[in-house]
Amino acid sequence: MGGSQEGPQLQHELVIPQWRTSESPGRGKHPLTAELRVMAEGRELILDLEKNEHLFAPAYTETCYTASGNPQTTTLKSEDHCFYHGTVRGAEESSVTLSTCRGI
């Protein structure tokens, strides 16, 4: 079987988000609700988002092990929680899920 096949061409866009929240500044890194405006596929989309408060159990912890095998356990602080879900405004049955932990 000679020849080569090209895989699907992946498209990407540079997204520069604009955040708008109803909360006063300084109430934590990640607001409970937000409106996010992004340009995608040549048009402006408005994402109506809310913090996904039920994603993790209240007693959730993460345990990682060092190279020497020692466990390091951390507890998720609710103000550091950075996972959102929501919809695209005006798009019926749309669904949005995103993380703002290290950008969007």
PDB file of N, CA and C in Angstrom:
ATOM      1  N   MET A   1       0.828  -1.174   0.000  1.00  0.00           N
ATOM      2  CA  MET A   1       0.000   0.000   0.000  1.00  0.00           C
ATOM      3  C   MET A   1       0.872   1.236   0.000  1.00  0.00           C
ATOM      4  N   GLY A   2       1.239   1.712  -1.121  1.00  0.00           N
ATOM      5  CA  GLY A   2       2.076   2.893  -1.206  1.00  0.00           C
ATOM      6  C   GLY A   2       1.263   4.158  -1.058  1.00  0.00           C
ATOM      7  N   GLY A   3       1.950   5.261  -1.098  1.00  0.00           N
ATOM      8  CA  GLY A   3       1.286   6.558  -1.008  1.00  0.00           C
ATOM      9  C   GLY A   3       1.087   6.990   0.430  1.00  0.00           C
ATOM     10  N   SER A   4       0.621   8.179   0.561  1.00  0.00           N
ATOM     11  CA  SER A   4       0.370   8.693   1.911  1.00  0.00           C
ATOM     12  C   SER A   4      -1.020   9.300   1.964  1.00  0.00           C
ATOM     13  N   GLN A   5      -1.580   9.237   3.122  1.00  0.00           N
ATOM     14  CA  GLN A   5      -2.889   9.840   3.331  1.00  0.00           C
ATOM     15  C   GLN A   5      -2.728  11.006   4.290  1.00  0.00           C
ATOM     16  N   GLU A   6      -3.390  12.061   3.959  1.00  0.00           N
ATOM     17  CA  GLU A   6      -3.378  13.199   4.867  1.00  0.00           C
ATOM     18  C   GLU A   6      -4.523  13.050   5.850  1.00  0.00           C
ATOM     19  N   GLY A   7      -4.253  13.364   7.093  1.00  0.00           N
ATOM     20  CA  GLY A   7      -5.296  13.324   8.113  1.00  0.00           C
ATOM     21  C   GLY A   7      -6.193  14.540   7.986  1.00  0.00           C
ATOM     22  N   PRO A   8      -7.220  14.585   8.794  1.00  0.00           N
ATOM     23  CA  PRO A   8      -8.120  15.739   8.749  1.00  0.00           C
ATOM     24  C   PRO A   8      -7.380  17.021   9.114  1.00  0.00           C
ATOM     25  N   GLN A   9      -7.730  18.080   8.453  1.00  0.00           N
ATOM     26  CA  GLN A   9      -7.125  19.377   8.725  1.00  0.00           C
ATOM     27  C   GLN A   9      -7.803  19.998   9.944  1.00  0.00           C
ATOM     28  N   LEU A  10      -7.028  20.308  10.945  1.00  0.00           N
ATOM     29  CA  LEU A  10      -7.567  20.925  12.143  1.00  0.00           C
ATOM     30  C   LEU A  10      -7.564  22.435  11.984  1.00  0.00           C
ATOM     31  N   GLN A  11      -8.674  23.046  12.329  1.00  0.00           N
ATOM     32  CA  GLN A  11      -8.762  24.497  12.276  1.00  0.00           C
ATOM     33  C   GLN A  11      -8.691  25.036  13.693  1.00  0.00           C
ATOM     34  N   HIS A  12      -8.139  26.206  13.819  1.00  0.00           N
ATOM     35  CA  HIS A  12      -8.092  26.841  15.125  1.00  0.00           C
ATOM     36  C   HIS A  12      -8.247  28.340  14.959  1.00  0.00           C
ATOM     37  N   GLU A  13      -8.660  28.981  16.032  1.00  0.00           N
ATOM     38  CA  GLU A  13      -8.806  30.425  16.052  1.00  0.00           C
ATOM     39  C   GLU A  13      -8.209  30.952  17.344  1.00  0.00           C
ATOM     40  N   LEU A  14      -7.700  32.154  17.291  1.00  0.00           N
ATOM     41  CA  LEU A  14      -7.238  32.832  18.492  1.00  0.00           C
ATOM     42  C   LEU A  14      -8.463  33.450  19.159  1.00  0.00           C
ATOM     43  N   VAL A  15      -8.707  33.091  20.404  1.00  0.00           N
ATOM     44  CA  VAL A  15      -9.870  33.590  21.127  1.00  0.00           C
ATOM     45  C   VAL A  15      -9.396  34.556  22.204  1.00  0.00           C
ATOM     46  N   ILE A  16      -9.918  35.773  22.162  1.00  0.00           N
ATOM     47  CA  ILE A  16      -9.603  36.777  23.179  1.00  0.00           C
ATOM     48  C   ILE A  16     -10.903  37.057  23.928  1.00  0.00           C
ATOM     49  N   PRO A  17     -11.069  36.442  25.097  1.00  0.00           N
ATOM     50  CA  PRO A  17     -12.342  36.564  25.808  1.00  0.00           C
ATOM     51  C   PRO A  17     -12.512  37.914  26.484  1.00  0.00           C
ATOM     52  N   GLN A  18     -13.769  38.313  26.649  1.00  0.00           N
ATOM     53  CA  GLN A  18     -14.123  39.500  27.418  1.00  0.00           C
ATOM     54  C   GLN A  18     -15.091  39.051  28.501  1.00  0.00           C
ATOM     55  N   TRP A  19     -14.673  39.180  29.759  1.00  0.00           N
ATOM     56  CA  TRP A  19     -15.475  38.736  30.895  1.00  0.00           C
ATOM     57  C   TRP A  19     -16.341  39.862  31.419  1.00  0.00           C
ATOM     58  N   ARG A  20     -17.548  39.523  31.853  1.00  0.00           N
ATOM     59  CA  ARG A  20     -18.397  40.466  32.574  1.00  0.00           C
ATOM     60  C   ARG A  20     -19.069  39.690  33.700  1.00  0.00           C
ATOM     61  N   THR A  21     -18.912  40.171  34.917  1.00  0.00           N
ATOM     62  CA  THR A  21     -19.522  39.503  36.065  1.00  0.00           C
ATOM     63  C   THR A  21     -20.425  40.475  36.798  1.00  0.00           C
ATOM     64  N   SER A  22     -21.344  39.932  37.571  1.00  0.00           N
ATOM     65  CA  SER A  22     -22.245  40.779  38.352  1.00  0.00           C
ATOM     66  C   SER A  22     -21.726  40.976  39.769  1.00  0.00           C
ATOM     67  N   GLU A  23     -20.562  40.427  40.055  1.00  0.00           N
ATOM     68  CA  GLU A  23     -20.004  40.505  41.401  1.00  0.00           C
ATOM     69  C   GLU A  23     -18.969  41.617  41.489  1.00  0.00           C
ATOM     70  N   SER A  24     -18.793  42.121  42.686  1.00  0.00           N
ATOM     71  CA  SER A  24     -17.795  43.165  42.874  1.00  0.00           C
ATOM     72  C   SER A  24     -16.399  42.565  42.794  1.00  0.00           C
ATOM     73  N   PRO A  25     -15.426  43.328  42.302  1.00  0.00           N
ATOM     74  CA  PRO A  25     -14.061  42.825  42.210  1.00  0.00           C
ATOM     75  C   PRO A  25     -13.521  42.434  43.581  1.00  0.00           C
ATOM     76  N   GLY A  26     -12.630  41.472  43.592  1.00  0.00           N
ATOM     77  CA  GLY A  26     -12.005  41.066  44.829  1.00  0.00           C
ATOM     78  C   GLY A  26     -12.739  39.977  45.589  1.00  0.00           C
ATOM     79  N   ARG A  27     -13.807  39.432  45.028  1.00  0.00           N
ATOM     80  CA  ARG A  27     -14.561  38.386  45.720  1.00  0.00           C
ATOM     81  C   ARG A  27     -14.048  37.004  45.357  1.00  0.00           C
ATOM     82  N   GLY A  28     -12.789  36.863  45.133  1.00  0.00           N
ATOM     83  CA  GLY A  28     -12.229  35.576  44.747  1.00  0.00           C
ATOM     84  C   GLY A  28     -11.819  35.599  43.291  1.00  0.00           C
ATOM     85  N   LYS A  29     -11.025  34.624  42.922  1.00  0.00           N
ATOM     86  CA  LYS A  29     -10.503  34.573  41.557  1.00  0.00           C
ATOM     87  C   LYS A  29     -11.572  34.230  40.537  1.00  0.00           C
ATOM     88  N   HIS A  30     -12.540  33.419  40.949  1.00  0.00           N
ATOM     89  CA  HIS A  30     -13.495  32.867  39.998  1.00  0.00           C
ATOM     90  C   HIS A  30     -14.921  33.199  40.444  1.00  0.00           C
ATOM     91  N   PRO A  31     -15.622  34.077  39.712  1.00  0.00           N
ATOM     92  CA  PRO A  31     -16.970  34.492  40.112  1.00  0.00           C
ATOM     93  C   PRO A  31     -17.972  33.336  40.002  1.00  0.00           C
ATOM     94  N   LEU A  32     -19.095  33.463  40.716  1.00  0.00           N
ATOM     95  CA  LEU A  32     -20.132  32.431  40.663  1.00  0.00           C
ATOM     96  C   LEU A  32     -20.824  32.396  39.311  1.00  0.00           C
ATOM     97  N   THR A  33     -21.070  33.565  38.717  1.00  0.00           N
ATOM     98  CA  THR A  33     -21.683  33.641  37.391  1.00  0.00           C
ATOM     99  C   THR A  33     -20.899  34.633  36.546  1.00  0.00           C
ATOM    100  N   ALA A  34     -20.975  34.452  35.247  1.00  0.00           N
ATOM    101  CA  ALA A  34     -20.249  35.356  34.350  1.00  0.00           C
ATOM    102  C   ALA A  34     -20.836  35.291  32.951  1.00  0.00           C
ATOM    103  N   GLU A  35     -20.571  36.341  32.209  1.00  0.00           N
ATOM    104  CA  GLU A  35     -20.889  36.407  30.784  1.00  0.00           C
ATOM    105  C   GLU A  35     -19.553  36.513  30.071  1.00  0.00           C
ATOM    106  N   LEU A  36     -19.341  35.666  29.110  1.00  0.00           N
ATOM    107  CA  LEU A  36     -18.074  35.649  28.386  1.00  0.00           C
ATOM    108  C   LEU A  36     -18.359  35.860  26.907  1.00  0.00           C
ATOM    109  N   ARG A  37     -17.754  36.891  26.332  1.00  0.00           N
ATOM    110  CA  ARG A  37     -17.916  37.168  24.900  1.00  0.00           C
ATOM    111  C   ARG A  37     -16.671  36.694  24.166  1.00  0.00           C
ATOM    112  N   VAL A  38     -16.877  35.895  23.128  1.00  0.00           N
ATOM    113  CA  VAL A  38     -15.764  35.401  22.321  1.00  0.00           C
ATOM    114  C   VAL A  38     -16.133  35.506  20.850  1.00  0.00           C
ATOM    115  N   MET A  39     -15.129  35.665  20.013  1.00  0.00           N
ATOM    116  CA  MET A  39     -15.322  35.599  18.567  1.00  0.00           C
ATOM    117  C   MET A  39     -14.956  34.187  18.134  1.00  0.00           C
ATOM    118  N   ALA A  40     -15.866  33.526  17.456  1.00  0.00           N
ATOM    119  CA  ALA A  40     -15.610  32.178  16.964  1.00  0.00           C
ATOM    120  C   ALA A  40     -16.362  31.992  15.658  1.00  0.00           C
ATOM    121  N   GLU A  41     -15.713  31.366  14.712  1.00  0.00           N
ATOM    122  CA  GLU A  41     -16.300  31.125  13.398  1.00  0.00           C
ATOM    123  C   GLU A  41     -16.799  32.417  12.766  1.00  0.00           C
ATOM    124  N   GLY A  42     -16.067  33.505  13.018  1.00  0.00           N
ATOM    125  CA  GLY A  42     -16.388  34.783  12.402  1.00  0.00           C
ATOM    126  C   GLY A  42     -17.544  35.538  13.023  1.00  0.00           C
ATOM    127  N   ARG A  43     -18.022  35.114  14.173  1.00  0.00           N
ATOM    128  CA  ARG A  43     -19.127  35.841  14.805  1.00  0.00           C
ATOM    129  C   ARG A  43     -18.935  35.891  16.316  1.00  0.00           C
ATOM    130  N   GLU A  44     -19.584  36.882  16.925  1.00  0.00           N
ATOM    131  CA  GLU A  44     -19.483  37.023  18.370  1.00  0.00           C
ATOM    132  C   GLU A  44     -20.473  36.086  19.053  1.00  0.00           C
ATOM    133  N   LEU A  45     -19.974  35.336  20.022  1.00  0.00           N
ATOM    134  CA  LEU A  45     -20.822  34.460  20.822  1.00  0.00           C
ATOM    135  C   LEU A  45     -20.784  34.949  22.262  1.00  0.00           C
ATOM    136  N   ILE A  46     -21.922  34.908  22.918  1.00  0.00           N
ATOM    137  CA  ILE A  46     -21.995  35.260  24.331  1.00  0.00           C
ATOM    138  C   ILE A  46     -22.291  33.981  25.099  1.00  0.00           C
ATOM    139  N   LEU A  47     -21.382  33.632  25.997  1.00  0.00           N
ATOM    140  CA  LEU A  47     -21.538  32.439  26.817  1.00  0.00           C
ATOM    141  C   LEU A  47     -22.048  32.858  28.190  1.00  0.00           C
ATOM    142  N   ASP A  48     -23.189  32.332  28.585  1.00  0.00           N
ATOM    143  CA  ASP A  48     -23.727  32.573  29.921  1.00  0.00           C
ATOM    144  C   ASP A  48     -23.263  31.424  30.799  1.00  0.00           C
ATOM    145  N   LEU A  49     -22.427  31.736  31.786  1.00  0.00           N
ATOM    146  CA  LEU A  49     -21.745  30.703  32.565  1.00  0.00           C
ATOM    147  C   LEU A  49     -22.064  30.788  34.046  1.00  0.00           C
ATOM    148  N   GLU A  50     -22.027  29.643  34.692  1.00  0.00           N
ATOM    149  CA  GLU A  50     -22.084  29.596  36.151  1.00  0.00           C
ATOM    150  C   GLU A  50     -21.080  28.569  36.634  1.00  0.00           C
ATOM    151  N   LYS A  51     -20.546  28.842  37.789  1.00  0.00           N
ATOM    152  CA  LYS A  51     -19.562  27.950  38.379  1.00  0.00           C
ATOM    153  C   LYS A  51     -20.219  26.595  38.633  1.00  0.00           C
ATOM    154  N   ASN A  52     -19.548  25.522  38.270  1.00  0.00           N
ATOM    155  CA  ASN A  52     -20.091  24.181  38.440  1.00  0.00           C
ATOM    156  C   ASN A  52     -19.837  23.729  39.881  1.00  0.00           C
ATOM    157  N   GLU A  53     -20.697  24.186  40.782  1.00  0.00           N
ATOM    158  CA  GLU A  53     -20.510  23.968  42.219  1.00  0.00           C
ATOM    159  C   GLU A  53     -20.590  22.502  42.630  1.00  0.00           C
ATOM    160  N   HIS A  54     -21.236  21.664  41.832  1.00  0.00           N
ATOM    161  CA  HIS A  54     -21.436  20.264  42.218  1.00  0.00           C
ATOM    162  C   HIS A  54     -20.507  19.312  41.480  1.00  0.00           C
ATOM    163  N   LEU A  55     -19.451  19.824  40.898  1.00  0.00           N
ATOM    164  CA  LEU A  55     -18.514  18.984  40.161  1.00  0.00           C
ATOM    165  C   LEU A  55     -17.684  18.116  41.102  1.00  0.00           C
ATOM    166  N   PHE A  56     -17.314  18.653  42.240  1.00  0.00           N
ATOM    167  CA  PHE A  56     -16.489  17.922  43.207  1.00  0.00           C
ATOM    168  C   PHE A  56     -17.262  17.714  44.505  1.00  0.00           C
ATOM    169  N   ALA A  57     -17.047  16.576  45.137  1.00  0.00           N
ATOM    170  CA  ALA A  57     -17.647  16.302  46.447  1.00  0.00           C
ATOM    171  C   ALA A  57     -17.054  17.262  47.477  1.00  0.00           C
ATOM    172  N   PRO A  58     -17.805  17.588  48.534  1.00  0.00           N
ATOM    173  CA  PRO A  58     -17.298  18.533  49.540  1.00  0.00           C
ATOM    174  C   PRO A  58     -15.966  18.114  50.167  1.00  0.00           C
ATOM    175  N   ALA A  59     -15.724  16.831  50.310  1.00  0.00           N
ATOM    176  CA  ALA A  59     -14.487  16.360  50.946  1.00  0.00           C
ATOM    177  C   ALA A  59     -13.447  15.918  49.915  1.00  0.00           C
ATOM    178  N   TYR A  60     -13.540  16.432  48.692  1.00  0.00           N
ATOM    179  CA  TYR A  60     -12.634  16.033  47.614  1.00  0.00           C
ATOM    180  C   TYR A  60     -11.183  16.390  47.949  1.00  0.00           C
ATOM    181  N   THR A  61     -10.287  15.455  47.714  1.00  0.00           N
ATOM    182  CA  THR A  61      -8.849  15.706  47.865  1.00  0.00           C
ATOM    183  C   THR A  61      -8.113  15.082  46.686  1.00  0.00           C
ATOM    184  N   GLU A  62      -6.918  15.563  46.433  1.00  0.00           N
ATOM    185  CA  GLU A  62      -6.031  14.993  45.412  1.00  0.00           C
ATOM    186  C   GLU A  62      -4.750  14.566  46.099  1.00  0.00           C
ATOM    187  N   THR A  63      -4.287  13.376  45.759  1.00  0.00           N
ATOM    188  CA  THR A  63      -3.024  12.898  46.307  1.00  0.00           C
ATOM    189  C   THR A  63      -2.066  12.610  45.162  1.00  0.00           C
ATOM    190  N   CYS A  64      -0.919  13.258  45.184  1.00  0.00           N
ATOM    191  CA  CYS A  64       0.151  13.027  44.211  1.00  0.00           C
ATOM    192  C   CYS A  64       1.344  12.483  44.978  1.00  0.00           C
ATOM    193  N   TYR A  65       2.190  11.790  44.280  1.00  0.00           N
ATOM    194  CA  TYR A  65       3.357  11.195  44.933  1.00  0.00           C
ATOM    195  C   TYR A  65       4.638  11.793  44.368  1.00  0.00           C
ATOM    196  N   THR A  66       5.553  12.116  45.246  1.00  0.00           N
ATOM    197  CA  THR A  66       6.842  12.660  44.830  1.00  0.00           C
ATOM    198  C   THR A  66       7.674  11.550  44.206  1.00  0.00           C
ATOM    199  N   ALA A  67       8.790  11.919  43.607  1.00  0.00           N
ATOM    200  CA  ALA A  67       9.682  10.930  42.990  1.00  0.00           C
ATOM    201  C   ALA A  67      10.159   9.900  44.009  1.00  0.00           C
ATOM    202  N   SER A  68      10.234  10.294  45.268  1.00  0.00           N
ATOM    203  CA  SER A  68      10.679   9.355  46.310  1.00  0.00           C
ATOM    204  C   SER A  68       9.524   8.540  46.894  1.00  0.00           C
ATOM    205  N   GLY A  69       8.299   8.764  46.387  1.00  0.00           N
ATOM    206  CA  GLY A  69       7.159   7.966  46.823  1.00  0.00           C
ATOM    207  C   GLY A  69       6.357   8.540  47.969  1.00  0.00           C
ATOM    208  N   ASN A  70       6.681   9.743  48.409  1.00  0.00           N
ATOM    209  CA  ASN A  70       5.942  10.363  49.510  1.00  0.00           C
ATOM    210  C   ASN A  70       4.647  10.991  49.001  1.00  0.00           C
ATOM    211  N   PRO A  71       3.520  10.740  49.678  1.00  0.00           N
ATOM    212  CA  PRO A  71       2.248  11.324  49.237  1.00  0.00           C
ATOM    213  C   PRO A  71       2.148  12.805  49.607  1.00  0.00           C
ATOM    214  N   GLN A  72       1.537  13.577  48.723  1.00  0.00           N
ATOM    215  CA  GLN A  72       1.237  14.985  48.986  1.00  0.00           C
ATOM    216  C   GLN A  72      -0.239  15.179  48.674  1.00  0.00           C
ATOM    217  N   THR A  73      -1.037  15.422  49.698  1.00  0.00           N
ATOM    218  CA  THR A  73      -2.483  15.547  49.541  1.00  0.00           C
ATOM    219  C   THR A  73      -2.887  17.011  49.649  1.00  0.00           C
ATOM    220  N   THR A  74      -3.722  17.449  48.725  1.00  0.00           N
ATOM    221  CA  THR A  74      -4.242  18.814  48.754  1.00  0.00           C
ATOM    222  C   THR A  74      -5.764  18.767  48.747  1.00  0.00           C
ATOM    223  N   THR A  75      -6.365  19.792  49.335  1.00  0.00           N
ATOM    224  CA  THR A  75      -7.812  19.934  49.377  1.00  0.00           C
ATOM    225  C   THR A  75      -8.192  21.097  48.474  1.00  0.00           C
ATOM    226  N   LEU A  76      -9.237  20.927  47.694  1.00  0.00           N
ATOM    227  CA  LEU A  76      -9.696  21.983  46.796  1.00  0.00           C
ATOM    228  C   LEU A  76     -10.426  23.049  47.600  1.00  0.00           C
ATOM    229  N   LYS A  77      -9.994  24.293  47.470  1.00  0.00           N
ATOM    230  CA  LYS A  77     -10.671  25.409  48.122  1.00  0.00           C
ATOM    231  C   LYS A  77     -11.757  25.906  47.177  1.00  0.00           C
ATOM    232  N   SER A  78     -12.936  26.163  47.691  1.00  0.00           N
ATOM    233  CA  SER A  78     -14.055  26.545  46.828  1.00  0.00           C
ATOM    234  C   SER A  78     -13.760  27.813  46.036  1.00  0.00           C
ATOM    235  N   GLU A  79     -12.990  28.756  46.608  1.00  0.00           N
ATOM    236  CA  GLU A  79     -12.695  29.987  45.865  1.00  0.00           C
ATOM    237  C   GLU A  79     -11.704  29.756  44.731  1.00  0.00           C
ATOM    238  N   ASP A  80     -10.957  28.659  44.775  1.00  0.00           N
ATOM    239  CA  ASP A  80     -10.010  28.337  43.703  1.00  0.00           C
ATOM    240  C   ASP A  80     -10.627  27.461  42.623  1.00  0.00           C
ATOM    241  N   HIS A  81     -11.835  26.984  42.871  1.00  0.00           N
ATOM    242  CA  HIS A  81     -12.530  26.119  41.925  1.00  0.00           C
ATOM    243  C   HIS A  81     -12.800  26.915  40.644  1.00  0.00           C
ATOM    244  N   CYS A  82     -12.436  26.381  39.496  1.00  0.00           N
ATOM    245  CA  CYS A  82     -12.423  27.175  38.261  1.00  0.00           C
ATOM    246  C   CYS A  82     -13.119  26.483  37.089  1.00  0.00           C
ATOM    247  N   PHE A  83     -14.133  25.669  37.362  1.00  0.00           N
ATOM    248  CA  PHE A  83     -14.835  24.949  36.299  1.00  0.00           C
ATOM    249  C   PHE A  83     -16.245  25.506  36.147  1.00  0.00           C
ATOM    250  N   TYR A  84     -16.621  25.757  34.898  1.00  0.00           N
ATOM    251  CA  TYR A  84     -17.900  26.398  34.591  1.00  0.00           C
ATOM    252  C   TYR A  84     -18.705  25.573  33.595  1.00  0.00           C
ATOM    253  N   HIS A  85     -20.021  25.785  33.634  1.00  0.00           N
ATOM    254  CA  HIS A  85     -20.898  25.239  32.605  1.00  0.00           C
ATOM    255  C   HIS A  85     -21.953  26.292  32.292  1.00  0.00           C
ATOM    256  N   GLY A  86     -22.593  26.133  31.141  1.00  0.00           N
ATOM    257  CA  GLY A  86     -23.598  27.104  30.746  1.00  0.00           C
ATOM    258  C   GLY A  86     -24.071  26.869  29.332  1.00  0.00           C
ATOM    259  N   THR A  87     -24.506  27.966  28.693  1.00  0.00           N
ATOM    260  CA  THR A  87     -25.070  27.890  27.347  1.00  0.00           C
ATOM    261  C   THR A  87     -24.546  29.037  26.490  1.00  0.00           C
ATOM    262  N   VAL A  88     -24.741  28.891  25.186  1.00  0.00           N
ATOM    263  CA  VAL A  88     -24.478  29.978  24.243  1.00  0.00           C
ATOM    264  C   VAL A  88     -25.786  30.751  24.125  1.00  0.00           C
ATOM    265  N   ARG A  89     -25.751  32.028  24.447  1.00  0.00           N
ATOM    266  CA  ARG A  89     -26.966  32.841  24.411  1.00  0.00           C
ATOM    267  C   ARG A  89     -27.573  32.823  23.006  1.00  0.00           C
ATOM    268  N   GLY A  90     -28.867  32.529  22.942  1.00  0.00           N
ATOM    269  CA  GLY A  90     -29.577  32.519  21.668  1.00  0.00           C
ATOM    270  C   GLY A  90     -29.467  31.217  20.890  1.00  0.00           C
ATOM    271  N   ALA A  91     -28.745  30.253  21.390  1.00  0.00           N
ATOM    272  CA  ALA A  91     -28.593  28.962  20.701  1.00  0.00           C
ATOM    273  C   ALA A  91     -29.297  27.889  21.530  1.00  0.00           C
ATOM    274  N   GLU A  92     -30.494  27.515  21.091  1.00  0.00           N
ATOM    275  CA  GLU A  92     -31.261  26.513  21.830  1.00  0.00           C
ATOM    276  C   GLU A  92     -30.483  25.212  21.951  1.00  0.00           C
ATOM    277  N   GLU A  93     -30.634  24.570  23.081  1.00  0.00           N
ATOM    278  CA  GLU A  93     -30.015  23.276  23.361  1.00  0.00           C
ATOM    279  C   GLU A  93     -28.484  23.294  23.280  1.00  0.00           C
ATOM    280  N   SER A  94     -27.889  24.476  23.428  1.00  0.00           N
ATOM    281  CA  SER A  94     -26.427  24.551  23.431  1.00  0.00           C
ATOM    282  C   SER A  94     -25.905  24.175  24.808  1.00  0.00           C
ATOM    283  N   SER A  95     -24.653  23.816  24.850  1.00  0.00           N
ATOM    284  CA  SER A  95     -24.021  23.444  26.111  1.00  0.00           C
ATOM    285  C   SER A  95     -22.562  23.870  26.064  1.00  0.00           C
ATOM    286  N   VAL A  96     -22.107  24.501  27.129  1.00  0.00           N
ATOM    287  CA  VAL A  96     -20.728  24.971  27.222  1.00  0.00           C
ATOM    288  C   VAL A  96     -20.135  24.442  28.521  1.00  0.00           C
ATOM    289  N   THR A  97     -18.930  23.928  28.448  1.00  0.00           N
ATOM    290  CA  THR A  97     -18.177  23.521  29.627  1.00  0.00           C
ATOM    291  C   THR A  97     -16.763  24.034  29.448  1.00  0.00           C
ATOM    292  N   LEU A  98     -16.230  24.721  30.446  1.00  0.00           N
ATOM    293  CA  LEU A  98     -14.862  25.213  30.322  1.00  0.00           C
ATOM    294  C   LEU A  98     -14.201  25.370  31.674  1.00  0.00           C
ATOM    295  N   SER A  99     -12.900  25.438  31.616  1.00  0.00           N
ATOM    296  CA  SER A  99     -12.076  25.636  32.802  1.00  0.00           C
ATOM    297  C   SER A  99     -11.326  26.949  32.649  1.00  0.00           C
ATOM    298  N   THR A 100     -11.236  27.699  33.731  1.00  0.00           N
ATOM    299  CA  THR A 100     -10.462  28.937  33.726  1.00  0.00           C
ATOM    300  C   THR A 100      -9.238  28.810  34.626  1.00  0.00           C
ATOM    301  N   CYS A 101      -8.862  27.581  34.948  1.00  0.00           N
ATOM    302  CA  CYS A 101      -7.744  27.352  35.868  1.00  0.00           C
ATOM    303  C   CYS A 101      -6.431  27.914  35.330  1.00  0.00           C
ATOM    304  N   ARG A 102      -6.188  27.752  34.054  1.00  0.00           N
ATOM    305  CA  ARG A 102      -4.945  28.243  33.430  1.00  0.00           C
ATOM    306  C   ARG A 102      -5.280  28.925  32.108  1.00  0.00           C
ATOM    307  N   GLY A 103      -6.206  29.848  32.151  1.00  0.00           N
ATOM    308  CA  GLY A 103      -6.691  30.473  30.933  1.00  0.00           C
ATOM    309  C   GLY A 103      -7.919  29.725  30.451  1.00  0.00           C
ATOM    310  N   ILE A 104      -8.334  30.037  29.244  1.00  0.00           N
ATOM    311  CA  ILE A 104      -9.528  29.373  28.710  1.00  0.00           C
ATOM    312  C   ILE A 104      -9.122  28.392  27.640  1.00  0.00           C
TER     313      ILE A 104
END
